């Protein structure tokens, strides 16, 4: 049986010995077991039952092509029902957000720091509610996605002011560290990131639910400042809108799930494609050139080149992975490196095989020697374009399958 298996490679001009065949068999069997092991991974994860829905209030949509989408939009009769709830709400707080500065982006957490301005305007009924309970509006409406309450604060800039139309208002300064909840790094390093500042009603009693209090975005005056650009990123756009936040809990004050009004101001940034290419892709291209052209190297040191390339790939990959969190999926650059590892291993095996053929050619004469030399020439000439084509096609497929 073994002799039959060894006979077929000989027909193709490949002389496999018993130990060569054993090594290939071990690699194939190990690969099968590895695929079986990884295939048994349970990809079902426990997801939150919380829901986020857009409301009927006007909102600004981010038109950037890769901007993160939030909340399911209302459709048909849902818009009418939500408009009726808005009309019937006892309290309405008109709120604006102006992001003065976003900075200290940390994808490993992931988080960012931000500071800016918040202003709110409300009617007499809500003012009576605040006065009756001895509360400030910043104690009712707070930052929802802050990750460090000690440093994330809303500071009033002035006392509550009563306007000529009978409404009340107050301007505030916010600052803090915020969690990035909608981070997708599948296209890294050509990815975008959306940095949200979230305001929500903080209601410990249960009388300021979605039916009672609505946060209505001030679209006219909200926006981003001249220092809102994130260093090393391109600012692509921003969005601002009200959402209906459905908790999967009564929060200890109700027998039914609670819902609250929520405002999200989201600024979208994208990496520069040129910068990402020259800093992360170009070093990989230079290293892989050694593999693509390995068969054209005629020195005695070409056996060591694939090993050096593998070590270099490990250090390069460790460099960019250090700034990313642990991902449950492969990013685009991870896939490119996996292809590079595969080609490096195949190149190493090919170099070893060609060296073996050269030693055999020195022991042969006549037509047999010419046949071996011709085979070596074919491998040396065909490997560069084949390896380059394989890497380009597989990389393109990885991008398209994201």
Protein backbone atom coordinates (compact mmCIF):
# COMPACT_ATOMS: atom_id res chain seq x y z
CA UNK A 1 0.00 0.00 0.00
CA UNK A 2 2.77 2.42 0.94
CA UNK A 3 4.65 1.62 -2.27
CA UNK A 4 1.55 2.51 -4.31
CA UNK A 5 1.23 5.83 -2.56
CA UNK A 6 4.88 6.60 -3.18
CA UNK A 7 4.54 5.66 -6.85
CA UNK A 8 2.26 8.56 -7.83
CA UNK A 9 4.65 11.39 -6.83
CA UNK A 10 7.40 9.67 -8.85
CA UNK A 11 5.25 9.99 -11.96
CA UNK A 12 5.35 13.74 -11.40
CA UNK A 13 9.12 13.68 -11.02
CA UNK A 14 9.05 13.92 -7.21
CA UNK A 15 11.00 11.24 -5.40
CA UNK A 16 9.43 10.77 -1.95
CA UNK A 17 11.14 8.61 0.59
CA UNK A 18 9.44 6.86 3.49
CA UNK A 19 10.30 9.56 6.05
CA UNK A 20 9.25 12.33 3.66
CA UNK A 21 5.89 10.66 3.22
CA UNK A 22 5.58 10.15 7.00
CA UNK A 23 6.24 13.84 7.64
CA UNK A 24 3.59 14.91 5.11
CA UNK A 25 1.13 12.43 6.61
CA UNK A 26 1.72 13.78 10.13
CA UNK A 27 1.20 17.37 8.93
CA UNK A 28 -2.05 16.46 7.15
CA UNK A 29 -3.43 14.50 10.12
CA UNK A 30 -2.46 17.28 12.51
CA UNK A 31 -4.23 19.81 10.29
CA UNK A 32 -7.38 17.67 10.26
CA UNK A 33 -7.39 17.41 14.05
CA UNK A 34 -6.76 21.15 14.37
CA UNK A 35 -9.70 21.95 12.08
CA UNK A 36 -11.90 19.55 14.04
CA UNK A 37 -10.86 21.16 17.33
CA UNK A 38 -11.46 24.71 16.12
CA UNK A 39 -14.71 23.69 14.43
CA UNK A 40 -16.14 22.56 17.75
CA UNK A 41 -15.79 25.99 19.29
CA UNK A 42 -19.15 27.22 20.52
CA UNK A 43 -19.74 30.53 18.76
CA UNK A 44 -23.07 31.14 20.52
CA UNK A 45 -22.64 33.99 22.99
CA UNK A 46 -25.03 35.37 25.57
CA UNK A 47 -26.36 38.66 24.25
CA UNK A 48 -28.08 41.38 26.21
CA UNK A 49 -31.84 41.73 25.94
CA UNK A 50 -31.53 45.50 26.02
CA UNK A 51 -32.76 47.29 22.92
CA UNK A 52 -31.96 50.66 21.42
CA UNK A 53 -34.46 52.27 19.05
CA UNK A 54 -34.44 55.57 17.21
CA UNK A 55 -37.33 57.84 18.10
CA UNK A 56 -39.62 60.15 16.17
CA UNK A 57 -37.68 63.27 17.18
CA UNK A 58 -35.48 64.82 14.46
CA UNK A 59 -31.90 63.56 14.37
CA UNK A 60 -28.69 64.11 12.40
CA UNK A 61 -27.44 61.00 10.64
CA UNK A 62 -23.74 60.37 10.05
CA UNK A 63 -23.19 60.13 6.30
CA UNK A 64 -19.67 58.66 6.54
CA UNK A 65 -19.56 55.34 4.59
CA UNK A 66 -18.22 53.21 7.48
CA UNK A 67 -19.95 55.03 10.33
CA UNK A 68 -21.34 52.81 13.06
CA UNK A 69 -25.12 52.52 13.03
CA UNK A 70 -27.00 52.63 16.30
CA UNK A 71 -30.52 51.60 17.10
CA UNK A 72 -33.22 50.20 14.85
CA UNK A 73 -35.20 52.94 13.10
CA UNK A 74 -38.96 53.25 13.56
CA UNK A 75 -41.22 52.21 10.71
CA UNK A 76 -44.81 52.88 9.73
CA UNK A 77 -47.21 53.03 12.64
CA UNK A 78 -44.31 52.98 15.12
CA UNK A 79 -43.49 56.58 14.17
CA UNK A 80 -47.05 57.68 14.89
CA UNK A 81 -47.17 55.88 18.23
CA UNK A 82 -43.87 57.40 19.31
CA UNK A 83 -45.04 60.86 18.27
CA UNK A 84 -48.10 60.39 20.47
CA UNK A 85 -45.88 59.36 23.39
CA UNK A 86 -43.76 62.47 22.82
CA UNK A 87 -46.83 64.69 22.83
CA UNK A 88 -48.14 63.08 26.01
CA UNK A 89 -44.81 63.19 27.90
CA UNK A 90 -45.07 65.34 31.01
CA UNK A 91 -41.47 66.57 30.86
CA UNK A 92 -39.41 67.55 27.82
CA UNK A 93 -35.79 68.60 28.11
CA UNK A 94 -34.22 70.15 24.99
CA UNK A 95 -30.53 69.24 25.10
CA UNK A 96 -27.52 70.17 23.01
CA UNK A 97 -23.97 68.78 22.97
CA UNK A 98 -20.90 70.52 21.58
CA UNK A 99 -17.75 68.36 21.53
CA UNK A 100 -14.80 70.68 22.03
CA UNK A 101 -12.05 68.05 22.10
CA UNK A 102 -11.67 64.28 21.68
CA UNK A 103 -8.30 62.82 22.65
CA UNK A 104 -6.40 59.88 24.23
CA UNK A 105 -7.96 57.18 22.07
CA UNK A 106 -7.07 53.73 23.45
CA UNK A 107 -8.29 50.84 21.29
CA UNK A 108 -6.98 48.27 23.74
CA UNK A 109 -9.59 49.19 26.41
CA UNK A 110 -11.36 50.55 24.21
CA UNK A 111 -11.91 54.11 25.44
CA UNK A 112 -11.28 57.78 24.73
CA UNK A 113 -11.29 61.08 26.59
CA UNK A 114 -13.51 63.99 25.70
CA UNK A 115 -14.56 67.39 26.92
CA UNK A 116 -17.14 69.84 25.71
CA UNK A 117 -20.37 71.64 26.49
CA UNK A 118 -23.89 70.55 27.34
CA UNK A 119 -26.92 72.81 27.64
CA UNK A 120 -30.46 71.95 28.63
CA UNK A 121 -33.75 73.80 28.49
CA UNK A 122 -37.02 72.71 30.12
CA UNK A 123 -40.46 73.92 31.11
CA UNK A 124 -42.12 74.97 34.33
CA UNK A 125 -43.41 71.49 35.16
CA UNK A 126 -39.95 69.96 35.19
CA UNK A 127 -38.59 72.94 37.14
CA UNK A 128 -41.24 72.30 39.79
CA UNK A 129 -40.17 68.66 39.87
CA UNK A 130 -36.51 69.61 40.44
CA UNK A 131 -37.27 72.21 43.09
CA UNK A 132 -39.69 69.93 44.90
CA UNK A 133 -37.03 67.27 45.31
CA UNK A 134 -34.06 69.57 45.76
CA UNK A 135 -32.29 68.22 42.68
CA UNK A 136 -30.15 69.77 39.95
CA UNK A 137 -30.74 68.81 36.34
CA UNK A 138 -27.21 67.34 36.16
CA UNK A 139 -28.24 64.91 38.91
CA UNK A 140 -31.15 63.66 36.80
CA UNK A 141 -29.48 63.54 33.36
CA UNK A 142 -25.94 62.18 33.39
CA UNK A 143 -23.19 60.60 31.32
CA UNK A 144 -24.09 56.98 30.60
CA UNK A 145 -20.94 55.53 28.98
CA UNK A 146 -18.32 57.04 31.28
CA UNK A 147 -15.84 54.50 32.65
CA UNK A 148 -14.41 56.48 35.55
CA UNK A 149 -17.02 58.31 37.66
CA UNK A 150 -14.25 60.02 39.64
CA UNK A 151 -12.99 61.90 36.57
CA UNK A 152 -16.16 62.03 34.44
CA UNK A 153 -18.20 64.99 35.63
CA UNK A 154 -20.76 67.53 34.44
CA UNK A 155 -19.98 70.95 35.91
CA UNK A 156 -22.56 73.76 35.72
CA UNK A 157 -21.11 76.91 34.17
CA UNK A 158 -23.80 79.17 35.64
CA UNK A 159 -26.95 79.03 37.70
CA UNK A 160 -30.29 77.99 36.27
CA UNK A 161 -31.69 80.84 34.21
CA UNK A 162 -35.31 81.66 33.46
CA UNK A 163 -35.97 82.87 29.92
CA UNK A 164 -38.58 85.30 28.68
CA UNK A 165 -40.75 82.51 27.27
CA UNK A 166 -41.11 80.96 30.72
CA UNK A 167 -38.62 78.11 30.18
CA UNK A 168 -35.56 77.37 32.28
CA UNK A 169 -32.06 76.52 31.10
CA UNK A 170 -28.52 75.86 32.20
CA UNK A 171 -25.16 75.50 30.48
CA UNK A 172 -22.61 72.91 31.65
CA UNK A 173 -19.12 71.66 30.94
CA UNK A 174 -18.53 67.92 30.68
CA UNK A 175 -15.23 66.06 30.81
CA UNK A 176 -14.34 62.42 31.25
CA UNK A 177 -13.23 59.05 29.91
CA UNK A 178 -15.78 57.19 27.81
CA UNK A 179 -16.27 53.60 26.68
CA UNK A 180 -16.45 52.81 22.94
CA UNK A 181 -19.36 50.39 22.68
CA UNK A 182 -19.59 49.91 18.92
CA UNK A 183 -16.04 49.11 17.87
CA UNK A 184 -15.48 47.02 14.73
CA UNK A 185 -11.86 46.24 13.83
CA UNK A 186 -12.47 43.68 11.09
CA UNK A 187 -11.04 46.06 8.47
CA UNK A 188 -8.01 47.06 10.57
CA UNK A 189 -5.82 48.94 9.66
CA UNK A 190 -8.28 50.58 7.25
CA UNK A 191 -11.02 50.81 9.85
CA UNK A 192 -13.11 53.61 11.22
CA UNK A 193 -14.09 54.29 14.82
CA UNK A 194 -17.08 56.08 16.31
CA UNK A 195 -16.63 57.88 19.64
CA UNK A 196 -19.93 58.36 21.51
CA UNK A 197 -20.90 60.68 24.32
CA UNK A 198 -24.13 59.32 25.80
CA UNK A 199 -26.62 61.17 28.02
CA UNK A 200 -29.41 59.31 29.78
CA UNK A 201 -31.93 59.83 32.55
CA UNK A 202 -30.63 58.57 35.90
CA UNK A 203 -33.86 57.63 37.65
CA UNK A 204 -33.70 55.75 40.93
CA UNK A 205 -37.41 56.17 41.73
CA UNK A 206 -38.99 55.14 38.46
CA UNK A 207 -41.05 58.28 37.76
CA UNK A 208 -38.91 59.64 34.90
CA UNK A 209 -39.31 56.80 32.42
CA UNK A 210 -39.60 57.16 28.65
CA UNK A 211 -43.32 57.91 28.92
CA UNK A 212 -42.68 60.77 31.35
CA UNK A 213 -39.43 62.48 30.33
CA UNK A 214 -38.02 62.91 26.83
CA UNK A 215 -34.62 64.28 25.86
CA UNK A 216 -35.04 66.20 22.61
CA UNK A 217 -31.80 66.97 20.70
CA UNK A 218 -30.95 70.56 19.85
CA UNK A 219 -29.78 70.02 16.29
CA UNK A 220 -29.20 73.66 15.43
CA UNK A 221 -26.46 74.49 17.92
CA UNK A 222 -24.90 71.08 18.55
CA UNK A 223 -21.69 70.17 16.75
CA UNK A 224 -17.94 69.72 17.00
CA UNK A 225 -15.19 72.25 17.71
CA UNK A 226 -11.91 73.02 16.01
CA UNK A 227 -10.01 70.84 18.50
CA UNK A 228 -12.25 67.81 18.03
CA UNK A 229 -9.96 66.30 15.39
CA UNK A 230 -8.26 63.15 16.66
CA UNK A 231 -4.51 63.17 16.08
CA UNK A 232 -3.56 60.55 13.47
CA UNK A 233 -7.16 60.10 12.26
CA UNK A 234 -9.42 61.77 9.70
CA UNK A 235 -12.69 63.26 10.97
CA UNK A 236 -15.49 61.88 8.77
CA UNK A 237 -18.69 63.15 10.37
CA UNK A 238 -20.96 63.12 13.39
CA UNK A 239 -24.46 62.15 14.38
CA UNK A 240 -26.86 63.22 17.12
CA UNK A 241 -30.20 61.79 18.05
CA UNK A 242 -32.58 60.52 20.70
CA UNK A 243 -32.94 56.80 21.35
CA UNK A 244 -35.42 54.70 23.28
CA UNK A 245 -33.37 52.58 25.67
CA UNK A 246 -35.21 49.44 26.74
CA UNK A 247 -33.73 47.76 29.80
CA UNK A 248 -34.30 44.04 30.25
CA UNK A 249 -35.06 44.74 33.90
CA UNK A 250 -37.38 46.65 36.15
CA UNK A 251 -34.30 47.93 37.99
CA UNK A 252 -35.88 47.11 41.34
CA UNK A 253 -38.61 49.75 41.08
CA UNK A 254 -41.03 48.20 38.59
CA UNK A 255 -42.63 44.86 37.74
CA UNK A 256 -42.08 45.53 34.02
CA UNK A 257 -38.99 46.36 31.98
CA UNK A 258 -38.06 50.02 32.20
CA UNK A 259 -37.40 52.34 29.27
CA UNK A 260 -35.61 55.68 29.30
CA UNK A 261 -34.82 58.44 26.84
CA UNK A 262 -31.20 58.53 25.74
CA UNK A 263 -29.14 60.98 23.65
CA UNK A 264 -26.06 59.87 21.71
CA UNK A 265 -23.61 62.30 20.14
CA UNK A 266 -21.26 60.26 17.97
CA UNK A 267 -18.15 61.51 16.11
CA UNK A 268 -16.76 59.24 13.39
CA UNK A 269 -13.04 59.00 12.53
CA UNK A 270 -11.18 56.94 9.96
CA UNK A 271 -7.55 55.96 9.56
CA UNK A 272 -5.67 57.48 6.67
CA UNK A 273 -5.25 54.75 4.05
CA UNK A 274 -1.86 56.09 2.99
CA UNK A 275 -0.60 56.27 6.55
CA UNK A 276 -1.87 52.76 7.35
CA UNK A 277 -0.24 51.38 4.22
CA UNK A 278 3.19 52.93 4.74
CA UNK A 279 3.37 52.17 8.46
CA UNK A 280 1.82 48.68 8.61
CA UNK A 281 1.56 47.17 5.12
CA UNK A 282 4.77 48.46 3.51
CA UNK A 283 7.13 46.73 6.04
CA UNK A 284 5.26 43.47 5.41
CA UNK A 285 5.60 43.91 1.64
CA UNK A 286 9.36 44.43 1.97
CA UNK A 287 9.75 41.34 4.14
CA UNK A 288 7.59 39.21 1.85
CA UNK A 289 9.69 40.28 -1.15
CA UNK A 290 12.40 38.06 0.31
CA UNK A 291 10.02 35.10 0.12
CA UNK A 292 8.63 35.90 -3.31
CA UNK A 293 12.15 36.16 -4.76
CA UNK A 294 13.67 33.37 -2.67
CA UNK A 295 14.22 31.06 -5.65
CA UNK A 296 16.09 33.83 -7.50
CA UNK A 297 18.67 34.09 -4.71
CA UNK A 298 21.71 32.10 -5.79
CA UNK A 299 23.79 32.33 -2.62
CA UNK A 300 24.33 29.54 -0.11
CA UNK A 301 22.45 31.53 2.54
CA UNK A 302 19.00 31.33 0.96
CA UNK A 303 18.02 28.44 3.24
CA UNK A 304 18.28 30.82 6.21
CA UNK A 305 16.11 33.53 4.59
CA UNK A 306 12.69 31.91 5.26
CA UNK A 307 13.61 31.40 8.93
CA UNK A 308 14.64 35.05 9.25
CA UNK A 309 11.41 36.10 7.52
CA UNK A 310 9.30 34.05 9.94
CA UNK A 311 10.98 35.68 12.94
CA UNK A 312 10.54 39.13 11.39
CA UNK A 313 6.84 38.45 10.78
CA UNK A 314 6.38 37.50 14.43
CA UNK A 315 7.94 40.77 15.62
CA UNK A 316 5.98 42.86 13.10
CA UNK A 317 2.69 41.26 14.08
CA UNK A 318 3.42 41.66 17.77
CA UNK A 319 4.03 45.36 17.14
CA UNK A 320 0.58 46.16 15.75
CA UNK A 321 -1.30 43.66 17.96
CA UNK A 322 -0.04 45.45 21.07
CA UNK A 323 -2.36 48.40 20.38
CA UNK A 324 -5.46 46.26 19.81
CA UNK A 325 -7.77 44.50 22.29
CA UNK A 326 -8.22 40.72 22.26
CA UNK A 327 -10.56 40.22 19.33
CA UNK A 328 -12.97 37.28 18.85
CA UNK A 329 -12.30 37.47 15.11
CA UNK A 330 -9.42 38.02 12.69
CA UNK A 331 -8.84 41.51 11.40
CA UNK A 332 -7.88 42.05 7.77
CA UNK A 333 -4.23 42.52 8.72
CA UNK A 334 -4.34 39.30 10.79
CA UNK A 335 -5.52 37.45 7.68
CA UNK A 336 -2.73 38.96 5.58
CA UNK A 337 -0.15 37.84 8.15
CA UNK A 338 -1.66 34.33 8.21
CA UNK A 339 -1.19 34.19 4.43
CA UNK A 340 2.38 35.46 4.83
CA UNK A 341 3.15 32.73 7.39
CA UNK A 342 1.78 30.09 5.05
CA UNK A 343 3.83 31.31 2.10
CA UNK A 344 6.96 31.49 4.27
CA UNK A 345 6.58 27.87 5.35
CA UNK A 346 5.92 26.72 1.79
CA UNK A 347 8.95 28.73 0.61
CA UNK A 348 11.14 27.09 3.24
CA UNK A 349 9.96 23.63 2.14
CA UNK A 350 10.56 24.56 -1.52
CA UNK A 351 14.11 25.77 -0.82
CA UNK A 352 14.90 22.54 1.01
CA UNK A 353 13.51 20.53 -1.89
CA UNK A 354 15.52 22.50 -4.46
CA UNK A 355 18.71 22.00 -2.44
CA UNK A 356 17.97 18.29 -2.40
CA UNK A 357 17.49 18.30 -6.17
CA UNK A 358 20.79 20.11 -6.65
CA UNK A 359 22.63 17.49 -4.62
CA UNK A 360 21.00 14.76 -6.70
CA UNK A 361 21.99 16.55 -9.91
CA UNK A 362 25.66 16.42 -8.93
CA UNK A 363 25.38 12.62 -8.67
CA UNK A 364 23.62 12.15 -12.01
CA UNK A 365 24.89 12.38 -15.56
CA UNK A 366 23.50 12.79 -19.05
CA UNK A 367 19.76 13.10 -19.64
CA UNK A 368 18.88 12.35 -16.04
CA UNK A 369 20.98 15.26 -14.83
CA UNK A 370 19.49 17.58 -17.49
CA UNK A 371 15.99 16.54 -16.44
CA UNK A 372 16.68 17.45 -12.80
CA UNK A 373 18.28 20.76 -13.74
CA UNK A 374 15.30 21.59 -15.96
CA UNK A 375 12.93 20.83 -13.09
CA UNK A 376 14.95 23.12 -10.80
CA UNK A 377 14.80 25.87 -13.41
CA UNK A 378 10.99 25.54 -13.71
CA UNK A 379 10.52 25.79 -9.94
CA UNK A 380 12.86 28.76 -9.64
CA UNK A 381 11.12 30.66 -12.44
CA UNK A 382 7.52 29.84 -11.53
CA UNK A 383 7.58 30.35 -7.75
CA UNK A 384 7.84 34.20 -7.68
CA UNK A 385 4.77 34.92 -9.85
CA UNK A 386 2.76 32.06 -8.31
CA UNK A 387 3.45 33.12 -4.72
CA UNK A 388 2.71 36.77 -5.54
CA UNK A 389 -0.55 35.83 -7.27
CA UNK A 390 -1.60 33.61 -4.35
CA UNK A 391 -0.91 36.32 -1.80
CA UNK A 392 -2.80 38.99 -3.77
CA UNK A 393 -5.82 36.75 -4.42
CA UNK A 394 -6.08 35.47 -0.87
CA UNK A 395 -5.67 38.98 0.56
CA UNK A 396 -8.38 40.30 -1.78
CA UNK A 397 -10.66 37.41 -0.78
CA UNK A 398 -10.07 38.16 2.92
CA UNK A 399 -11.07 41.80 2.36
CA UNK A 400 -14.20 40.89 0.41
CA UNK A 401 -15.30 38.30 2.97
CA UNK A 402 -15.21 40.75 5.88
